[in-house]
Amino acid sequence: MLSAKNLFKVMYFCILHIQKIMRSHFSILFATIRPDIEEKISVGLILVDSNSVFFRYSENKLTIVKELLTLPAFEYLNEILHQISKEANGEKEKLKGVKTESRPISQSFSLGYLDYLSRYSNNLLTFSSPKIIDLQTDEQLFERLFKKYIDEK
């Protein structure tokens, strides 16, 4: 029989475990089109939990951004987005078939690193401060967030 103190400890650790599983975070990526007035356009979204990484950028928004940036700046932005996409896809592949409890998310998509990027990446591509959401991450959630914050199409 468990004492009240031990029961509390078991419940506390169960709650911590559930929070760890359910905790997700996302960051919005912006293309800076006029740095002098900090004007930017949302172009991509990263959604991360302990099981997966989702990333996509909007081709529609990039078409608009292409008209507003110089060609070298646009090519550089496009290359950065392709590299992030490649890294996210690699992370997805790495996480397949790994036990949920032992899945270490790459440093590139950790909450701490995205927070760092939101503060110090103030160039052509910027990141919003990561937002924590306590929802199970899946493709449907990613699509809803993408439509809400990036591109409705």
C-alpha atoms as a PDB file:
ATOM      1  CA  MET A   1       0.000   0.000   0.000  1.00  0.00           C
ATOM      2  CA  LEU A   2       1.321   3.439  -0.943  1.00  0.00           C
ATOM      3  CA  SER A   3       1.549   6.189   1.615  1.00  0.00           C
ATOM      4  CA  ALA A   4       0.076   9.576   0.722  1.00  0.00           C
ATOM      5  CA  LYS A   5       3.603  10.943   0.264  1.00  0.00           C
ATOM      6  CA  ASN A   6       4.618   8.139  -2.110  1.00  0.00           C
ATOM      7  CA  LEU A   7       1.332   8.382  -4.000  1.00  0.00           C
ATOM      8  CA  PHE A   8       1.966  12.102  -4.482  1.00  0.00           C
ATOM      9  CA  LYS A   9       5.461  11.329  -5.842  1.00  0.00           C
ATOM     10  CA  VAL A  10       4.084   8.772  -8.308  1.00  0.00           C
ATOM     11  CA  MET A  11       1.398  11.193  -9.492  1.00  0.00           C
ATOM     12  CA  TYR A  12       3.959  14.006  -9.808  1.00  0.00           C
ATOM     13  CA  PHE A  13       6.286  11.893 -11.968  1.00  0.00           C
ATOM     14  CA  CYS A  14       3.351  10.742 -14.118  1.00  0.00           C
ATOM     15  CA  ILE A  15       2.343  14.358 -14.714  1.00  0.00           C
ATOM     16  CA  LEU A  16       5.930  15.292 -15.598  1.00  0.00           C
ATOM     17  CA  HIS A  17       6.109  12.375 -18.035  1.00  0.00           C
ATOM     18  CA  ILE A  18       2.817  13.345 -19.697  1.00  0.00           C
ATOM     19  CA  GLN A  19       3.967  16.960 -20.000  1.00  0.00           C
ATOM     20  CA  LYS A  20       7.220  15.821 -21.590  1.00  0.00           C
ATOM     21  CA  ILE A  21       5.346  13.727 -24.133  1.00  0.00           C
ATOM     22  CA  MET A  22       2.723  16.364 -24.937  1.00  0.00           C
ATOM     23  CA  ARG A  23       4.961  19.439 -24.936  1.00  0.00           C
ATOM     24  CA  SER A  24       5.576  20.809 -28.418  1.00  0.00           C
ATOM     25  CA  HIS A  25       6.973  24.055 -29.704  1.00  0.00           C
ATOM     26  CA  PHE A  26       6.849  25.989 -32.945  1.00  0.00           C
ATOM     27  CA  SER A  27       8.641  28.916 -34.481  1.00  0.00           C
ATOM     28  CA  ILE A  28       7.700  31.067 -37.448  1.00  0.00           C
ATOM     29  CA  LEU A  29      10.389  31.967 -39.980  1.00  0.00           C
ATOM     30  CA  PHE A  30      10.337  35.419 -41.553  1.00  0.00           C
ATOM     31  CA  ALA A  31      12.047  36.915 -44.579  1.00  0.00           C
ATOM     32  CA  THR A  32      13.251  40.417 -43.753  1.00  0.00           C
ATOM     33  CA  ILE A  33      12.433  42.602 -46.732  1.00  0.00           C
ATOM     34  CA  ARG A  34      13.205  46.064 -45.315  1.00  0.00           C
ATOM     35  CA  PRO A  35      15.664  45.811 -42.430  1.00  0.00           C
ATOM     36  CA  ASP A  36      15.687  49.559 -41.787  1.00  0.00           C
ATOM     37  CA  ILE A  37      12.072  49.413 -40.577  1.00  0.00           C
ATOM     38  CA  GLU A  38      12.116  45.716 -39.587  1.00  0.00           C
ATOM     39  CA  GLU A  39       9.515  44.818 -42.207  1.00  0.00           C
ATOM     40  CA  LYS A  40       9.201  41.091 -42.716  1.00  0.00           C
ATOM     41  CA  ILE A  41       6.977  38.422 -44.231  1.00  0.00           C
ATOM     42  CA  SER A  42       6.263  35.030 -42.652  1.00  0.00           C
ATOM     43  CA  VAL A  43       7.568  32.336 -44.987  1.00  0.00           C
ATOM     44  CA  GLY A  44       7.982  29.129 -42.973  1.00  0.00           C
ATOM     45  CA  LEU A  45       7.076  27.146 -39.898  1.00  0.00           C
ATOM     46  CA  ILE A  46       8.935  24.673 -37.679  1.00  0.00           C
ATOM     47  CA  LEU A  47       6.918  22.448 -35.314  1.00  0.00           C
ATOM     48  CA  VAL A  48       8.779  20.129 -32.940  1.00  0.00           C
ATOM     49  CA  ASP A  49       7.967  17.611 -30.231  1.00  0.00           C
ATOM     50  CA  SER A  50       9.884  14.696 -28.726  1.00  0.00           C
ATOM     51  CA  ASN A  51       8.750  12.439 -31.589  1.00  0.00           C
ATOM     52  CA  SER A  52       8.945  14.521 -34.724  1.00  0.00           C
ATOM     53  CA  VAL A  53       9.982  17.630 -36.591  1.00  0.00           C
ATOM     54  CA  PHE A  54       7.776  19.340 -39.162  1.00  0.00           C
ATOM     55  CA  PHE A  55       9.005  22.104 -41.439  1.00  0.00           C
ATOM     56  CA  ARG A  56       7.659  23.757 -44.550  1.00  0.00           C
ATOM     57  CA  TYR A  57       7.924  27.074 -46.275  1.00  0.00           C
ATOM     58  CA  SER A  58       5.445  28.774 -48.572  1.00  0.00           C
ATOM     59  CA  GLU A  59       6.245  28.855 -52.267  1.00  0.00           C
ATOM     60  CA  ASN A  60       3.507  31.512 -52.634  1.00  0.00           C
ATOM     61  CA  LYS A  61       5.182  33.803 -50.120  1.00  0.00           C
ATOM     62  CA  LEU A  62       8.609  33.183 -51.696  1.00  0.00           C
ATOM     63  CA  THR A  63       7.238  34.330 -55.053  1.00  0.00           C
ATOM     64  CA  ILE A  64       6.255  37.621 -53.419  1.00  0.00           C
ATOM     65  CA  VAL A  65       9.556  37.909 -51.549  1.00  0.00           C
ATOM     66  CA  LYS A  66      11.471  37.324 -54.786  1.00  0.00           C
ATOM     67  CA  GLU A  67      10.009  40.538 -56.171  1.00  0.00           C
ATOM     68  CA  LEU A  68      11.047  42.504 -53.084  1.00  0.00           C
ATOM     69  CA  LEU A  69      14.657  41.335 -52.650  1.00  0.00           C
ATOM     70  CA  THR A  70      17.720  41.535 -54.829  1.00  0.00           C
ATOM     71  CA  LEU A  71      18.458  38.328 -56.747  1.00  0.00           C
ATOM     72  CA  PRO A  72      21.528  37.404 -54.638  1.00  0.00           C
ATOM     73  CA  ALA A  73      19.572  37.987 -51.406  1.00  0.00           C
ATOM     74  CA  PHE A  74      16.670  35.882 -52.642  1.00  0.00           C
ATOM     75  CA  GLU A  75      18.963  33.053 -53.754  1.00  0.00           C
ATOM     76  CA  TYR A  76      20.640  33.083 -50.345  1.00  0.00           C
ATOM     77  CA  LEU A  77      17.266  33.016 -48.545  1.00  0.00           C
ATOM     78  CA  ASN A  78      16.092  30.174 -50.766  1.00  0.00           C
ATOM     79  CA  GLU A  79      19.271  28.186 -50.034  1.00  0.00           C
ATOM     80  CA  ILE A  80      18.848  28.639 -46.271  1.00  0.00           C
ATOM     81  CA  LEU A  81      15.251  27.404 -46.452  1.00  0.00           C
ATOM     82  CA  HIS A  82      16.334  24.367 -48.509  1.00  0.00           C
ATOM     83  CA  GLN A  83      19.018  23.555 -45.924  1.00  0.00           C
ATOM     84  CA  ILE A  84      16.540  23.771 -43.046  1.00  0.00           C
ATOM     85  CA  SER A  85      14.141  21.547 -44.988  1.00  0.00           C
ATOM     86  CA  LYS A  86      16.901  19.021 -45.634  1.00  0.00           C
ATOM     87  CA  GLU A  87      17.873  19.024 -41.942  1.00  0.00           C
ATOM     88  CA  ALA A  88      14.227  18.574 -40.845  1.00  0.00           C
ATOM     89  CA  ASN A  89      13.718  15.683 -43.275  1.00  0.00           C
ATOM     90  CA  GLY A  90      16.925  14.073 -42.029  1.00  0.00           C
ATOM     91  CA  GLU A  91      15.698  14.444 -38.458  1.00  0.00           C
ATOM     92  CA  LYS A  92      12.375  12.785 -39.366  1.00  0.00           C
ATOM     93  CA  GLU A  93      14.219   9.832 -40.880  1.00  0.00           C
ATOM     94  CA  LYS A  94      16.534   9.550 -37.876  1.00  0.00           C
ATOM     95  CA  LEU A  95      13.585   9.451 -35.456  1.00  0.00           C
ATOM     96  CA  LYS A  96      11.714   6.692 -37.312  1.00  0.00           C
ATOM     97  CA  GLY A  97      11.803   3.416 -35.427  1.00  0.00           C
ATOM     98  CA  VAL A  98      13.394   4.885 -32.281  1.00  0.00           C
ATOM     99  CA  LYS A  99      11.636   4.383 -28.947  1.00  0.00           C
ATOM    100  CA  THR A 100       9.714   7.471 -27.883  1.00  0.00           C
ATOM    101  CA  GLU A 101      11.498   7.728 -24.530  1.00  0.00           C
ATOM    102  CA  SER A 102      14.966   7.759 -26.108  1.00  0.00           C
ATOM    103  CA  ARG A 103      14.413  10.103 -29.014  1.00  0.00           C
ATOM    104  CA  PRO A 104      16.826  12.987 -28.741  1.00  0.00           C
ATOM    105  CA  ILE A 105      15.740  15.866 -30.951  1.00  0.00           C
ATOM    106  CA  SER A 106      18.618  17.432 -32.830  1.00  0.00           C
ATOM    107  CA  GLN A 107      20.102  20.549 -31.259  1.00  0.00           C
ATOM    108  CA  SER A 108      19.080  22.387 -34.450  1.00  0.00           C
ATOM    109  CA  PHE A 109      15.402  22.116 -33.486  1.00  0.00           C
ATOM    110  CA  SER A 110      15.598  22.265 -29.694  1.00  0.00           C
ATOM    111  CA  LEU A 111      13.575  24.845 -27.813  1.00  0.00           C
ATOM    112  CA  GLY A 112      16.749  26.485 -26.528  1.00  0.00           C
ATOM    113  CA  TYR A 113      18.358  26.793 -29.946  1.00  0.00           C
ATOM    114  CA  LEU A 114      15.232  28.186 -31.611  1.00  0.00           C
ATOM    115  CA  ASP A 115      14.995  30.701 -28.783  1.00  0.00           C
ATOM    116  CA  TYR A 116      18.649  31.627 -29.393  1.00  0.00           C
ATOM    117  CA  LEU A 117      17.936  32.098 -33.117  1.00  0.00           C
ATOM    118  CA  SER A 118      14.918  34.274 -32.334  1.00  0.00           C
ATOM    119  CA  ARG A 119      17.170  36.645 -30.400  1.00  0.00           C
ATOM    120  CA  TYR A 120      20.364  36.642 -32.464  1.00  0.00           C
ATOM    121  CA  SER A 121      19.440  35.754 -36.049  1.00  0.00           C
ATOM    122  CA  ASN A 122      18.526  39.237 -37.239  1.00  0.00           C
ATOM    123  CA  ASN A 123      19.503  39.040 -40.862  1.00  0.00           C
ATOM    124  CA  LEU A 124      17.692  37.978 -44.006  1.00  0.00           C
ATOM    125  CA  LEU A 125      15.910  35.128 -42.226  1.00  0.00           C
ATOM    126  CA  THR A 126      14.581  35.625 -38.701  1.00  0.00           C
ATOM    127  CA  PHE A 127      12.793  33.312 -36.272  1.00  0.00           C
ATOM    128  CA  SER A 128       9.966  34.073 -33.881  1.00  0.00           C
ATOM    129  CA  SER A 129      10.461  33.205 -30.263  1.00  0.00           C
ATOM    130  CA  PRO A 130       9.331  29.577 -29.933  1.00  0.00           C
ATOM    131  CA  LYS A 131       5.801  29.122 -28.660  1.00  0.00           C
ATOM    132  CA  ILE A 132       5.115  26.143 -26.408  1.00  0.00           C
ATOM    133  CA  ILE A 133       1.880  24.264 -27.005  1.00  0.00           C
ATOM    134  CA  ASP A 134       0.657  21.309 -24.986  1.00  0.00           C
ATOM    135  CA  LEU A 135      -0.817  19.346 -27.866  1.00  0.00           C
ATOM    136  CA  GLN A 136       0.155  16.104 -29.522  1.00  0.00           C
ATOM    137  CA  THR A 137       2.031  17.002 -32.696  1.00  0.00           C
ATOM    138  CA  ASP A 138       0.812  15.527 -35.959  1.00  0.00           C
ATOM    139  CA  GLU A 139       0.399  16.477 -39.608  1.00  0.00           C
ATOM    140  CA  GLN A 140      -3.085  17.922 -38.999  1.00  0.00           C
ATOM    141  CA  LEU A 141      -1.872  20.255 -36.255  1.00  0.00           C
ATOM    142  CA  PHE A 142       1.028  21.345 -38.450  1.00  0.00           C
ATOM    143  CA  GLU A 143      -1.363  22.096 -41.345  1.00  0.00           C
ATOM    144  CA  ARG A 144      -3.641  24.167 -39.078  1.00  0.00           C
ATOM    145  CA  LEU A 145      -0.705  26.198 -37.770  1.00  0.00           C
ATOM    146  CA  PHE A 146       0.742  26.621 -41.267  1.00  0.00           C
ATOM    147  CA  LYS A 147      -2.581  27.899 -42.625  1.00  0.00           C
ATOM    148  CA  LYS A 148      -3.061  30.229 -39.671  1.00  0.00           C
ATOM    149  CA  TYR A 149       0.417  31.780 -39.565  1.00  0.00           C
ATOM    150  CA  ILE A 150       2.046  31.276 -42.966  1.00  0.00           C
ATOM    151  CA  ASP A 151      -0.175  30.610 -45.956  1.00  0.00           C
ATOM    152  CA  GLU A 152      -3.848  29.722 -46.305  1.00  0.00           C
ATOM    153  CA  LYS A 153      -3.358  28.063 -49.691  1.00  0.00           C
END
